Amino acid sequence: QILPDMILRFDRNLVIRFANDKFASR
């Protein structure tokens, strides 16, 4: 959460499994 980068994790079906606050706010 404190990293300045956006982090995203998704599965083979392109379903998002994790997103940090930086990506969410974007």
PDB file of all heavy atoms in Angstrom:
ATOM      1  N   GLN A   1       0.809  -1.212   0.000  1.00  0.00           N
ATOM      2  CA  GLN A   1       0.000   0.000   0.000  1.00  0.00           C
ATOM      3  C   GLN A   1       0.847   1.269   0.000  1.00  0.00           C
ATOM      4  O   GLN A   1       0.425   2.299  -0.532  1.00  0.00           O
ATOM      5  CB  GLN A   1      -0.959   0.009   1.205  1.00  0.00           C
ATOM      6  CG  GLN A   1      -1.979  -1.114   1.190  1.00  0.00           C
ATOM      7  CD  GLN A   1      -2.969  -1.010   0.040  1.00  0.00           C
ATOM      8  OE1 GLN A   1      -2.765  -0.285  -0.913  1.00  0.00           O
ATOM      9  NE2 GLN A   1      -4.043  -1.743   0.122  1.00  0.00           N
ATOM     10  N   ILE A   2       2.037   1.214   0.628  1.00  0.00           N
ATOM     11  CA  ILE A   2       2.857   2.427   0.702  1.00  0.00           C
ATOM     12  C   ILE A   2       3.791   2.573  -0.502  1.00  0.00           C
ATOM     13  O   ILE A   2       4.394   3.626  -0.676  1.00  0.00           O
ATOM     14  CB  ILE A   2       3.682   2.460   2.008  1.00  0.00           C
ATOM     15  CG1 ILE A   2       4.695   1.300   2.052  1.00  0.00           C
ATOM     16  CG2 ILE A   2       2.763   2.413   3.220  1.00  0.00           C
ATOM     17  CD1 ILE A   2       5.600   1.344   3.261  1.00  0.00           C
ATOM     18  N   LEU A   3       3.896   1.518  -1.320  1.00  0.00           N
ATOM     19  CA  LEU A   3       4.727   1.635  -2.514  1.00  0.00           C
ATOM     20  C   LEU A   3       4.134   2.678  -3.458  1.00  0.00           C
ATOM     21  O   LEU A   3       2.916   2.830  -3.554  1.00  0.00           O
ATOM     22  CB  LEU A   3       4.820   0.294  -3.232  1.00  0.00           C
ATOM     23  CG  LEU A   3       5.707  -0.776  -2.592  1.00  0.00           C
ATOM     24  CD1 LEU A   3       5.598  -2.086  -3.359  1.00  0.00           C
ATOM     25  CD2 LEU A   3       7.160  -0.330  -2.557  1.00  0.00           C
ATOM     26  N   PRO A   4       4.978   3.418  -4.166  1.00  0.00           N
ATOM     27  CA  PRO A   4       4.457   4.445  -5.089  1.00  0.00           C
ATOM     28  C   PRO A   4       3.871   3.853  -6.363  1.00  0.00           C
ATOM     29  O   PRO A   4       3.276   4.574  -7.154  1.00  0.00           O
ATOM     30  CB  PRO A   4       5.697   5.293  -5.402  1.00  0.00           C
ATOM     31  CG  PRO A   4       6.847   4.340  -5.224  1.00  0.00           C
ATOM     32  CD  PRO A   4       6.454   3.413  -4.106  1.00  0.00           C
ATOM     33  N   ASP A   5       4.043   2.544  -6.577  1.00  0.00           N
ATOM     34  CA  ASP A   5       3.598   1.906  -7.804  1.00  0.00           C
ATOM     35  C   ASP A   5       2.208   1.308  -7.632  1.00  0.00           C
ATOM     36  O   ASP A   5       1.766   0.992  -6.520  1.00  0.00           O
ATOM     37  CB  ASP A   5       4.567   0.793  -8.226  1.00  0.00           C
ATOM     38  CG  ASP A   5       5.965   1.320  -8.461  1.00  0.00           C
ATOM     39  OD1 ASP A   5       6.079   2.480  -8.894  1.00  0.00           O
ATOM     40  OD2 ASP A   5       6.935   0.585  -8.216  1.00  0.00           O
ATOM     41  N   MET A   6       1.523   1.137  -8.760  1.00  0.00           N
ATOM     42  CA  MET A   6       0.247   0.421  -8.778  1.00  0.00           C
ATOM     43  C   MET A   6       0.522  -1.074  -8.904  1.00  0.00           C
ATOM     44  O   MET A   6       1.392  -1.484  -9.687  1.00  0.00           O
ATOM     45  CB  MET A   6      -0.608   0.902  -9.955  1.00  0.00           C
ATOM     46  CG  MET A   6      -1.063   2.334  -9.835  1.00  0.00           C
ATOM     47  SD  MET A   6      -2.010   2.883 -11.284  1.00  0.00           S
ATOM     48  CE  MET A   6      -0.703   3.026 -12.499  1.00  0.00           C
ATOM     49  N   ILE A   7      -0.213  -1.879  -8.148  1.00  0.00           N
ATOM     50  CA  ILE A   7      -0.012  -3.327  -8.160  1.00  0.00           C
ATOM     51  C   ILE A   7      -1.352  -3.990  -8.418  1.00  0.00           C
ATOM     52  O   ILE A   7      -2.360  -3.650  -7.802  1.00  0.00           O
ATOM     53  CB  ILE A   7       0.598  -3.823  -6.840  1.00  0.00           C
ATOM     54  CG1 ILE A   7       1.962  -3.154  -6.617  1.00  0.00           C
ATOM     55  CG2 ILE A   7       0.751  -5.339  -6.835  1.00  0.00           C
ATOM     56  CD1 ILE A   7       2.619  -3.500  -5.322  1.00  0.00           C
ATOM     57  N   LEU A   8      -1.321  -4.961  -9.323  1.00  0.00           N
ATOM     58  CA  LEU A   8      -2.542  -5.619  -9.755  1.00  0.00           C
ATOM     59  C   LEU A   8      -2.249  -7.101  -9.962  1.00  0.00           C
ATOM     60  O   LEU A   8      -1.184  -7.468 -10.484  1.00  0.00           O
ATOM     61  CB  LEU A   8      -3.016  -4.989 -11.068  1.00  0.00           C
ATOM     62  CG  LEU A   8      -4.459  -5.193 -11.495  1.00  0.00           C
ATOM     63  CD1 LEU A   8      -5.403  -4.525 -10.499  1.00  0.00           C
ATOM     64  CD2 LEU A   8      -4.676  -4.601 -12.876  1.00  0.00           C
ATOM     65  N   ARG A   9      -3.186  -7.949  -9.540  1.00  0.00           N
ATOM     66  CA  ARG A   9      -3.060  -9.397  -9.764  1.00  0.00           C
ATOM     67  C   ARG A   9      -4.382  -9.898 -10.344  1.00  0.00           C
ATOM     68  O   ARG A   9      -5.443  -9.632  -9.797  1.00  0.00           O
ATOM     69  CB  ARG A   9      -2.734 -10.120  -8.452  1.00  0.00           C
ATOM     70  CG  ARG A   9      -2.627 -11.640  -8.599  1.00  0.00           C
ATOM     71  CD  ARG A   9      -2.047 -12.254  -7.332  1.00  0.00           C
ATOM     72  NE  ARG A   9      -2.858 -11.987  -6.164  1.00  0.00           N
ATOM     73  CZ  ARG A   9      -3.883 -12.738  -5.765  1.00  0.00           C
ATOM     74  NH1 ARG A   9      -4.239 -13.803  -6.454  1.00  0.00           N
ATOM     75  NH2 ARG A   9      -4.563 -12.418  -4.668  1.00  0.00           N
ATOM     76  N   PHE A  10      -4.285 -10.609 -11.478  1.00  0.00           N
ATOM     77  CA  PHE A  10      -5.491 -11.139 -12.103  1.00  0.00           C
ATOM     78  C   PHE A  10      -5.236 -12.550 -12.600  1.00  0.00           C
ATOM     79  O   PHE A  10      -4.086 -12.944 -12.838  1.00  0.00           O
ATOM     80  CB  PHE A  10      -5.981 -10.240 -13.240  1.00  0.00           C
ATOM     81  CG  PHE A  10      -4.948  -9.960 -14.312  1.00  0.00           C
ATOM     82  CD1 PHE A  10      -4.861 -10.767 -15.434  1.00  0.00           C
ATOM     83  CD2 PHE A  10      -4.079  -8.892 -14.191  1.00  0.00           C
ATOM     84  CE1 PHE A  10      -3.919 -10.512 -16.410  1.00  0.00           C
ATOM     85  CE2 PHE A  10      -3.134  -8.619 -15.166  1.00  0.00           C
ATOM     86  CZ  PHE A  10      -3.053  -9.445 -16.287  1.00  0.00           C
ATOM     87  N   ASP A  11      -6.329 -13.341 -12.743  1.00  0.00           N
ATOM     88  CA  ASP A  11      -6.182 -14.734 -13.127  1.00  0.00           C
ATOM     89  C   ASP A  11      -6.279 -14.890 -14.639  1.00  0.00           C
ATOM     90  O   ASP A  11      -6.359 -13.905 -15.381  1.00  0.00           O
ATOM     91  CB  ASP A  11      -7.211 -15.612 -12.413  1.00  0.00           C
ATOM     92  CG  ASP A  11      -8.648 -15.231 -12.752  1.00  0.00           C
ATOM     93  OD1 ASP A  11      -8.854 -14.575 -13.801  1.00  0.00           O
ATOM     94  OD2 ASP A  11      -9.556 -15.585 -11.988  1.00  0.00           O
ATOM     95  N   ARG A  12      -6.278 -16.139 -15.088  1.00  0.00           N
ATOM     96  CA  ARG A  12      -6.277 -16.417 -16.523  1.00  0.00           C
ATOM     97  C   ARG A  12      -7.561 -15.946 -17.209  1.00  0.00           C
ATOM     98  O   ARG A  12      -7.579 -15.740 -18.419  1.00  0.00           O
ATOM     99  CB  ARG A  12      -6.098 -17.915 -16.784  1.00  0.00           C
ATOM    100  CG  ARG A  12      -7.147 -18.801 -16.147  1.00  0.00           C
ATOM    101  CD  ARG A  12      -7.074 -20.225 -16.709  1.00  0.00           C
ATOM    102  NE  ARG A  12      -5.779 -20.821 -16.545  1.00  0.00           N
ATOM    103  CZ  ARG A  12      -5.389 -21.538 -15.485  1.00  0.00           C
ATOM    104  NH1 ARG A  12      -6.225 -21.714 -14.468  1.00  0.00           N
ATOM    105  NH2 ARG A  12      -4.198 -22.050 -15.421  1.00  0.00           N
ATOM    106  N   ASN A  13      -8.610 -15.746 -16.427  1.00  0.00           N
ATOM    107  CA  ASN A  13      -9.864 -15.249 -16.972  1.00  0.00           C
ATOM    108  C   ASN A  13      -9.983 -13.737 -16.873  1.00  0.00           C
ATOM    109  O   ASN A  13     -11.074 -13.186 -17.053  1.00  0.00           O
ATOM    110  CB  ASN A  13     -11.044 -15.920 -16.257  1.00  0.00           C
ATOM    111  CG  ASN A  13     -11.058 -17.413 -16.443  1.00  0.00           C
ATOM    112  OD1 ASN A  13     -10.827 -17.908 -17.550  1.00  0.00           O
ATOM    113  ND2 ASN A  13     -11.308 -18.147 -15.373  1.00  0.00           N
ATOM    114  N   LEU A  14      -8.869 -13.066 -16.533  1.00  0.00           N
ATOM    115  CA  LEU A  14      -8.794 -11.609 -16.407  1.00  0.00           C
ATOM    116  C   LEU A  14      -9.640 -11.074 -15.256  1.00  0.00           C
ATOM    117  O   LEU A  14     -10.031  -9.908 -15.242  1.00  0.00           O
ATOM    118  CB  LEU A  14      -9.212 -10.917 -17.707  1.00  0.00           C
ATOM    119  CG  LEU A  14      -8.435 -11.293 -18.971  1.00  0.00           C
ATOM    120  CD1 LEU A  14      -8.925 -10.476 -20.154  1.00  0.00           C
ATOM    121  CD2 LEU A  14      -6.945 -11.101 -18.794  1.00  0.00           C
ATOM    122  N   VAL A  15      -9.925 -11.937 -14.275  1.00  0.00           N
ATOM    123  CA  VAL A  15     -10.651 -11.496 -13.085  1.00  0.00           C
ATOM    124  C   VAL A  15      -9.631 -10.978 -12.074  1.00  0.00           C
ATOM    125  O   VAL A  15      -8.676 -11.678 -11.725  1.00  0.00           O
ATOM    126  CB  VAL A  15     -11.474 -12.641 -12.474  1.00  0.00           C
ATOM    127  CG1 VAL A  15     -12.162 -12.177 -11.187  1.00  0.00           C
ATOM    128  CG2 VAL A  15     -12.524 -13.115 -13.475  1.00  0.00           C
ATOM    129  N   ILE A  16      -9.828  -9.756 -11.590  1.00  0.00           N
ATOM    130  CA  ILE A  16      -8.874  -9.127 -10.679  1.00  0.00           C
ATOM    131  C   ILE A  16      -8.991  -9.774  -9.300  1.00  0.00           C
ATOM    132  O   ILE A  16     -10.077  -9.852  -8.726  1.00  0.00           O
ATOM    133  CB  ILE A  16      -9.126  -7.615 -10.584  1.00  0.00           C
ATOM    134  CG1 ILE A  16      -8.910  -6.976 -11.955  1.00  0.00           C
ATOM    135  CG2 ILE A  16      -8.220  -6.967  -9.539  1.00  0.00           C
ATOM    136  CD1 ILE A  16      -9.263  -5.507 -12.002  1.00  0.00           C
ATOM    137  N   ARG A  17      -7.863 -10.236  -8.771  1.00  0.00           N
ATOM    138  CA  ARG A  17      -7.821 -10.872  -7.458  1.00  0.00           C
ATOM    139  C   ARG A  17      -7.213  -9.974  -6.386  1.00  0.00           C
ATOM    140  O   ARG A  17      -7.442 -10.184  -5.201  1.00  0.00           O
ATOM    141  CB  ARG A  17      -7.011 -12.192  -7.538  1.00  0.00           C
ATOM    142  CG  ARG A  17      -7.608 -13.213  -8.496  1.00  0.00           C
ATOM    143  CD  ARG A  17      -9.030 -13.537  -8.128  1.00  0.00           C
ATOM    144  NE  ARG A  17      -9.636 -14.532  -9.009  1.00  0.00           N
ATOM    145  CZ  ARG A  17     -10.905 -14.841  -9.002  1.00  0.00           C
ATOM    146  NH1 ARG A  17     -11.735 -14.209  -8.176  1.00  0.00           N
ATOM    147  NH2 ARG A  17     -11.381 -15.734  -9.820  1.00  0.00           N
ATOM    148  N   PHE A  18      -6.438  -8.989  -6.790  1.00  0.00           N
ATOM    149  CA  PHE A  18      -5.862  -8.034  -5.823  1.00  0.00           C
ATOM    150  C   PHE A  18      -5.559  -6.735  -6.543  1.00  0.00           C
ATOM    151  O   PHE A  18      -5.133  -6.719  -7.702  1.00  0.00           O
ATOM    152  CB  PHE A  18      -4.579  -8.575  -5.191  1.00  0.00           C
ATOM    153  CG  PHE A  18      -3.890  -7.564  -4.314  1.00  0.00           C
ATOM    154  CD1 PHE A  18      -4.323  -7.348  -3.014  1.00  0.00           C
ATOM    155  CD2 PHE A  18      -2.838  -6.799  -4.795  1.00  0.00           C
ATOM    156  CE1 PHE A  18      -3.719  -6.397  -2.210  1.00  0.00           C
ATOM    157  CE2 PHE A  18      -2.216  -5.853  -3.990  1.00  0.00           C
ATOM    158  CZ  PHE A  18      -2.662  -5.666  -2.691  1.00  0.00           C
ATOM    159  N   ALA A  19      -5.805  -5.635  -5.837  1.00  0.00           N
ATOM    160  CA  ALA A  19      -5.438  -4.312  -6.342  1.00  0.00           C
ATOM    161  C   ALA A  19      -5.095  -3.446  -5.133  1.00  0.00           C
ATOM    162  O   ALA A  19      -5.833  -3.440  -4.148  1.00  0.00           O
ATOM    163  CB  ALA A  19      -6.579  -3.695  -7.145  1.00  0.00           C
ATOM    164  N   ASN A  20      -3.962  -2.762  -5.184  1.00  0.00           N
ATOM    165  CA  ASN A  20      -3.634  -1.893  -4.052  1.00  0.00           C
ATOM    166  C   ASN A  20      -4.327  -0.541  -4.207  1.00  0.00           C
ATOM    167  O   ASN A  20      -4.970  -0.250  -5.218  1.00  0.00           O
ATOM    168  CB  ASN A  20      -2.113  -1.744  -3.903  1.00  0.00           C
ATOM    169  CG  ASN A  20      -1.485  -0.963  -5.053  1.00  0.00           C
ATOM    170  OD1 ASN A  20      -2.116  -0.728  -6.075  1.00  0.00           O
ATOM    171  ND2 ASN A  20      -0.247  -0.563  -4.886  1.00  0.00           N
ATOM    172  N   ASP A  21      -4.203   0.271  -3.178  1.00  0.00           N
ATOM    173  CA  ASP A  21      -4.924   1.550  -3.151  1.00  0.00           C
ATOM    174  C   ASP A  21      -4.482   2.486  -4.276  1.00  0.00           C
ATOM    175  O   ASP A  21      -5.276   3.295  -4.761  1.00  0.00           O
ATOM    176  CB  ASP A  21      -4.733   2.236  -1.799  1.00  0.00           C
ATOM    177  CG  ASP A  21      -5.451   1.508  -0.672  1.00  0.00           C
ATOM    178  OD1 ASP A  21      -6.350   0.694  -0.985  1.00  0.00           O
ATOM    179  OD2 ASP A  21      -5.110   1.726   0.510  1.00  0.00           O
ATOM    180  N   LYS A  22      -3.209   2.378  -4.679  1.00  0.00           N
ATOM    181  CA  LYS A  22      -2.718   3.266  -5.736  1.00  0.00           C
ATOM    182  C   LYS A  22      -3.475   3.011  -7.039  1.00  0.00           C
ATOM    183  O   LYS A  22      -3.884   3.946  -7.734  1.00  0.00           O
ATOM    184  CB  LYS A  22      -1.212   3.040  -5.947  1.00  0.00           C
ATOM    185  CG  LYS A  22      -0.324   3.617  -4.863  1.00  0.00           C
ATOM    186  CD  LYS A  22      -0.348   5.133  -4.891  1.00  0.00           C
ATOM    187  CE  LYS A  22       0.679   5.716  -3.939  1.00  0.00           C
ATOM    188  NZ  LYS A  22       0.480   5.333  -2.542  1.00  0.00           N
ATOM    189  N   PHE A  23      -3.673   1.743  -7.376  1.00  0.00           N
ATOM    190  CA  PHE A  23      -4.424   1.440  -8.589  1.00  0.00           C
ATOM    191  C   PHE A  23      -5.890   1.839  -8.425  1.00  0.00           C
ATOM    192  O   PHE A  23      -6.488   2.428  -9.333  1.00  0.00           O
ATOM    193  CB  PHE A  23      -4.337  -0.048  -8.919  1.00  0.00           C
ATOM    194  CG  PHE A  23      -5.154  -0.432 -10.130  1.00  0.00           C
ATOM    195  CD1 PHE A  23      -4.638  -0.288 -11.397  1.00  0.00           C
ATOM    196  CD2 PHE A  23      -6.441  -0.917  -9.988  1.00  0.00           C
ATOM    197  CE1 PHE A  23      -5.390  -0.607 -12.516  1.00  0.00           C
ATOM    198  CE2 PHE A  23      -7.205  -1.247 -11.094  1.00  0.00           C
ATOM    199  CZ  PHE A  23      -6.677  -1.091 -12.364  1.00  0.00           C
ATOM    200  N   ALA A  24      -6.467   1.529  -7.266  1.00  0.00           N
ATOM    201  CA  ALA A  24      -7.882   1.832  -7.044  1.00  0.00           C
ATOM    202  C   ALA A  24      -8.148   3.327  -7.174  1.00  0.00           C
ATOM    203  O   ALA A  24      -9.128   3.750  -7.793  1.00  0.00           O
ATOM    204  CB  ALA A  24      -8.322   1.313  -5.678  1.00  0.00           C
ATOM    205  N   SER A  25      -7.261   4.151  -6.593  1.00  0.00           N
ATOM    206  CA  SER A  25      -7.472   5.602  -6.672  1.00  0.00           C
ATOM    207  C   SER A  25      -7.306   6.090  -8.103  1.00  0.00           C
ATOM    208  O   SER A  25      -7.968   7.059  -8.514  1.00  0.00           O
ATOM    209  CB  SER A  25      -6.486   6.323  -5.752  1.00  0.00           C
ATOM    210  OG  SER A  25      -5.139   6.077  -6.155  1.00  0.00           O
ATOM    211  N   ARG A  26      -6.453   5.427  -8.869  1.00  0.00           N
ATOM    212  CA  ARG A  26      -6.257   5.844 -10.263  1.00  0.00           C
ATOM    213  C   ARG A  26      -7.539   5.655 -11.079  1.00  0.00           C
ATOM    214  O   ARG A  26      -7.835   6.446 -11.984  1.00  0.00           O
ATOM    215  CB  ARG A  26      -5.103   5.035 -10.886  1.00  0.00           C
ATOM    216  CG  ARG A  26      -4.824   5.350 -12.351  1.00  0.00           C
ATOM    217  CD  ARG A  26      -4.410   6.795 -12.569  1.00  0.00           C
ATOM    218  NE  ARG A  26      -3.166   7.106 -11.899  1.00  0.00           N
ATOM    219  CZ  ARG A  26      -1.960   6.953 -12.447  1.00  0.00           C
ATOM    220  NH1 ARG A  26      -1.856   6.512 -13.681  1.00  0.00           N
ATOM    221  NH2 ARG A  26      -0.868   7.252 -11.773  1.00  0.00           N
TER     222      ARG A  26
END
